[in-house]
Amino acid sequence: QNRLTSLPKLPKSVVQLHMQNNRLKGIEAVESILEISVLNIADNQISKISAKISMMQSLKVLDISNNDLVQIPGEIGLIDSLNILKFSGNPLRAFKRSLISADVNTVKKYLRTRIVGDIDAKY
């Protein structure tokens, strides 16, 4: 087990980041790395993920298992390239337990229904 509680400033050229088994509280330093394809932040103390994660359109693998997340942003469902999503072991609220073992496309479809926004602004 490592002891990192926050991420340092990272170069924009990072394509894989494996930061599991730390004490991270957030991932703000990663949210601006748009070309990242693998993000493993399992087994940390992350309690919130910003909707900005949807800007990571190259993301293929996201492991957020075993953190302190009570919700997963619906915007994750907008990441077309995402084909592996692991999120078990979080104290999720208002989340269908059956989705933990569902395929990634089913989970992304469900997450898209949970996006909070002003629907009237779209029309």
C-alpha atoms as a PDB file:
ATOM      1  CA  GLN A   1       0.000   0.000   0.000  1.00  0.00           C
ATOM      2  CA  ASN A   2       1.192   3.468  -0.932  1.00  0.00           C
ATOM      3  CA  ARG A   3       0.480   6.717   0.838  1.00  0.00           C
ATOM      4  CA  LEU A   4      -0.250   9.261  -1.880  1.00  0.00           C
ATOM      5  CA  THR A   5      -3.193  11.466  -0.911  1.00  0.00           C
ATOM      6  CA  SER A   6      -3.192  13.591  -4.071  1.00  0.00           C
ATOM      7  CA  LEU A   7      -1.830  13.402  -7.570  1.00  0.00           C
ATOM      8  CA  PRO A   8       0.993  15.654  -8.712  1.00  0.00           C
ATOM      9  CA  LYS A   9       0.685  17.703 -11.875  1.00  0.00           C
ATOM     10  CA  LEU A  10       0.993  15.210 -14.691  1.00  0.00           C
ATOM     11  CA  PRO A  11       2.116  15.697 -18.286  1.00  0.00           C
ATOM     12  CA  LYS A  12      -0.636  15.800 -20.914  1.00  0.00           C
ATOM     13  CA  SER A  13       1.088  12.902 -22.695  1.00  0.00           C
ATOM     14  CA  VAL A  14       0.101  10.316 -20.054  1.00  0.00           C
ATOM     15  CA  VAL A  15      -1.986   7.544 -21.644  1.00  0.00           C
ATOM     16  CA  GLN A  16      -2.095   5.068 -18.754  1.00  0.00           C
ATOM     17  CA  LEU A  17      -2.252   5.819 -15.061  1.00  0.00           C
ATOM     18  CA  HIS A  18      -2.215   3.099 -12.424  1.00  0.00           C
ATOM     19  CA  MET A  19      -2.694   4.704  -9.000  1.00  0.00           C
ATOM     20  CA  GLN A  20      -4.463   1.913  -7.148  1.00  0.00           C
ATOM     21  CA  ASN A  21      -3.818   1.193  -3.466  1.00  0.00           C
ATOM     22  CA  ASN A  22      -3.114   4.729  -2.368  1.00  0.00           C
ATOM     23  CA  ARG A  23      -5.001   7.221  -0.230  1.00  0.00           C
ATOM     24  CA  LEU A  24      -6.168   9.503  -3.016  1.00  0.00           C
ATOM     25  CA  LYS A  25      -9.129  11.729  -2.185  1.00  0.00           C
ATOM     26  CA  GLY A  26      -9.749  13.072  -5.695  1.00  0.00           C
ATOM     27  CA  ILE A  27      -8.608  12.951  -9.311  1.00  0.00           C
ATOM     28  CA  GLU A  28      -8.691  16.623 -10.316  1.00  0.00           C
ATOM     29  CA  ALA A  29      -5.116  16.445 -11.663  1.00  0.00           C
ATOM     30  CA  VAL A  30      -6.167  13.787 -14.182  1.00  0.00           C
ATOM     31  CA  GLU A  31      -9.354  15.404 -15.488  1.00  0.00           C
ATOM     32  CA  SER A  32      -7.450  17.584 -17.962  1.00  0.00           C
ATOM     33  CA  ILE A  33      -5.525  14.675 -19.517  1.00  0.00           C
ATOM     34  CA  LEU A  34      -7.845  14.036 -22.421  1.00  0.00           C
ATOM     35  CA  GLU A  35      -5.783  11.339 -24.170  1.00  0.00           C
ATOM     36  CA  ILE A  36      -5.661   8.949 -21.225  1.00  0.00           C
ATOM     37  CA  SER A  37      -6.887   5.464 -22.141  1.00  0.00           C
ATOM     38  CA  VAL A  38      -6.436   3.535 -18.873  1.00  0.00           C
ATOM     39  CA  LEU A  39      -7.227   4.983 -15.454  1.00  0.00           C
ATOM     40  CA  ASN A  40      -6.933   2.647 -12.480  1.00  0.00           C
ATOM     41  CA  ILE A  41      -7.722   4.440  -9.242  1.00  0.00           C
ATOM     42  CA  ALA A  42      -9.111   1.450  -7.363  1.00  0.00           C
ATOM     43  CA  ASP A  43      -8.604   1.031  -3.623  1.00  0.00           C
ATOM     44  CA  ASN A  44      -8.297   4.687  -2.678  1.00  0.00           C
ATOM     45  CA  GLN A  45     -10.459   7.101  -0.678  1.00  0.00           C
ATOM     46  CA  ILE A  46     -12.072   8.969  -3.562  1.00  0.00           C
ATOM     47  CA  SER A  47     -15.510  10.283  -2.644  1.00  0.00           C
ATOM     48  CA  LYS A  48     -16.378  12.256  -5.782  1.00  0.00           C
ATOM     49  CA  ILE A  49     -15.708  12.157  -9.494  1.00  0.00           C
ATOM     50  CA  SER A  50     -16.503  15.244 -11.526  1.00  0.00           C
ATOM     51  CA  ALA A  51     -18.694  15.221 -14.625  1.00  0.00           C
ATOM     52  CA  LYS A  52     -15.581  16.521 -16.412  1.00  0.00           C
ATOM     53  CA  ILE A  53     -14.483  12.903 -16.725  1.00  0.00           C
ATOM     54  CA  SER A  54     -16.712  12.730 -19.814  1.00  0.00           C
ATOM     55  CA  MET A  55     -14.122  14.867 -21.648  1.00  0.00           C
ATOM     56  CA  MET A  56     -11.755  11.857 -21.550  1.00  0.00           C
ATOM     57  CA  GLN A  57     -13.054  10.466 -24.828  1.00  0.00           C
ATOM     58  CA  SER A  58     -10.012   8.170 -25.269  1.00  0.00           C
ATOM     59  CA  LEU A  59     -10.706   6.363 -21.997  1.00  0.00           C
ATOM     60  CA  LYS A  60     -11.082   2.619 -22.541  1.00  0.00           C
ATOM     61  CA  VAL A  61     -10.581   1.261 -19.018  1.00  0.00           C
ATOM     62  CA  LEU A  62     -11.807   2.896 -15.815  1.00  0.00           C
ATOM     63  CA  ASP A  63     -11.394   1.122 -12.483  1.00  0.00           C
ATOM     64  CA  ILE A  64     -12.910   3.058  -9.592  1.00  0.00           C
ATOM     65  CA  SER A  65     -13.542  -0.001  -7.397  1.00  0.00           C
ATOM     66  CA  ASN A  66     -13.254   0.120  -3.629  1.00  0.00           C
ATOM     67  CA  ASN A  67     -13.408   3.847  -3.048  1.00  0.00           C
ATOM     68  CA  ASP A  68     -15.832   6.029  -1.067  1.00  0.00           C
ATOM     69  CA  LEU A  69     -18.117   6.927  -3.987  1.00  0.00           C
ATOM     70  CA  VAL A  70     -21.799   7.320  -3.116  1.00  0.00           C
ATOM     71  CA  GLN A  71     -22.619   8.152  -6.731  1.00  0.00           C
ATOM     72  CA  ILE A  72     -21.092   7.747 -10.159  1.00  0.00           C
ATOM     73  CA  PRO A  73     -21.512  10.681 -12.534  1.00  0.00           C
ATOM     74  CA  GLY A  74     -23.933   9.915 -15.329  1.00  0.00           C
ATOM     75  CA  GLU A  75     -21.537  11.578 -17.750  1.00  0.00           C
ATOM     76  CA  ILE A  76     -19.355   8.457 -17.653  1.00  0.00           C
ATOM     77  CA  GLY A  77     -22.059   6.973 -19.874  1.00  0.00           C
ATOM     78  CA  LEU A  78     -21.081   9.489 -22.560  1.00  0.00           C
ATOM     79  CA  ILE A  79     -17.573   8.068 -23.012  1.00  0.00           C
ATOM     80  CA  ASP A  80     -18.016   6.075 -26.223  1.00  0.00           C
ATOM     81  CA  SER A  81     -14.581   4.429 -26.089  1.00  0.00           C
ATOM     82  CA  LEU A  82     -15.096   3.053 -22.554  1.00  0.00           C
ATOM     83  CA  ASN A  83     -15.277  -0.736 -22.721  1.00  0.00           C
ATOM     84  CA  ILE A  84     -14.229  -1.730 -19.183  1.00  0.00           C
ATOM     85  CA  LEU A  85     -15.807  -0.091 -16.143  1.00  0.00           C
ATOM     86  CA  LYS A  86     -15.234  -1.481 -12.661  1.00  0.00           C
ATOM     87  CA  PHE A  87     -16.984   0.165  -9.730  1.00  0.00           C
ATOM     88  CA  SER A  88     -17.817  -2.506  -7.138  1.00  0.00           C
ATOM     89  CA  GLY A  89     -16.984  -1.975  -3.486  1.00  0.00           C
ATOM     90  CA  ASN A  90     -18.314   1.589  -3.266  1.00  0.00           C
ATOM     91  CA  PRO A  91     -21.117   2.702  -0.913  1.00  0.00           C
ATOM     92  CA  LEU A  92     -23.312   3.702  -3.869  1.00  0.00           C
ATOM     93  CA  ARG A  93     -26.731   5.161  -3.138  1.00  0.00           C
ATOM     94  CA  ALA A  94     -29.698   5.053  -5.503  1.00  0.00           C
ATOM     95  CA  PHE A  95     -27.864   2.681  -7.806  1.00  0.00           C
ATOM     96  CA  LYS A  96     -29.241  -0.607  -9.046  1.00  0.00           C
ATOM     97  CA  ARG A  97     -27.156  -3.385  -7.500  1.00  0.00           C
ATOM     98  CA  SER A  98     -27.805  -5.589 -10.538  1.00  0.00           C
ATOM     99  CA  LEU A  99     -25.684  -3.183 -12.591  1.00  0.00           C
ATOM    100  CA  ILE A 100     -22.506  -4.134 -10.743  1.00  0.00           C
ATOM    101  CA  SER A 101     -22.348  -7.378 -12.716  1.00  0.00           C
ATOM    102  CA  ALA A 102     -23.924  -6.007 -15.928  1.00  0.00           C
ATOM    103  CA  ASP A 103     -22.002  -5.444 -19.155  1.00  0.00           C
ATOM    104  CA  VAL A 104     -20.458  -2.016 -19.679  1.00  0.00           C
ATOM    105  CA  ASN A 105     -22.952  -0.907 -22.351  1.00  0.00           C
ATOM    106  CA  THR A 106     -25.886  -1.597 -20.034  1.00  0.00           C
ATOM    107  CA  VAL A 107     -24.212   0.400 -17.267  1.00  0.00           C
ATOM    108  CA  LYS A 108     -23.401   3.301 -19.606  1.00  0.00           C
ATOM    109  CA  LYS A 109     -26.985   3.377 -20.861  1.00  0.00           C
ATOM    110  CA  TYR A 110     -28.244   3.531 -17.260  1.00  0.00           C
ATOM    111  CA  LEU A 111     -25.727   6.246 -16.358  1.00  0.00           C
ATOM    112  CA  ARG A 112     -26.843   8.402 -19.292  1.00  0.00           C
ATOM    113  CA  THR A 113     -30.356   8.416 -17.819  1.00  0.00           C
ATOM    114  CA  ARG A 114     -28.891   9.863 -14.609  1.00  0.00           C
ATOM    115  CA  ILE A 115     -27.286  12.934 -16.178  1.00  0.00           C
ATOM    116  CA  VAL A 116     -28.571  16.003 -14.408  1.00  0.00           C
ATOM    117  CA  GLY A 117     -29.162  19.020 -16.604  1.00  0.00           C
ATOM    118  CA  ASP A 118     -31.632  21.497 -17.915  1.00  0.00           C
ATOM    119  CA  ILE A 119     -33.613  19.551 -20.500  1.00  0.00           C
ATOM    120  CA  ASP A 120     -35.473  22.666 -21.640  1.00  0.00           C
ATOM    121  CA  ALA A 121     -32.165  24.271 -22.638  1.00  0.00           C
ATOM    122  CA  LYS A 122     -31.722  21.594 -25.328  1.00  0.00           C
ATOM    123  CA  TYR A 123     -34.874  22.587 -27.237  1.00  0.00           C
END
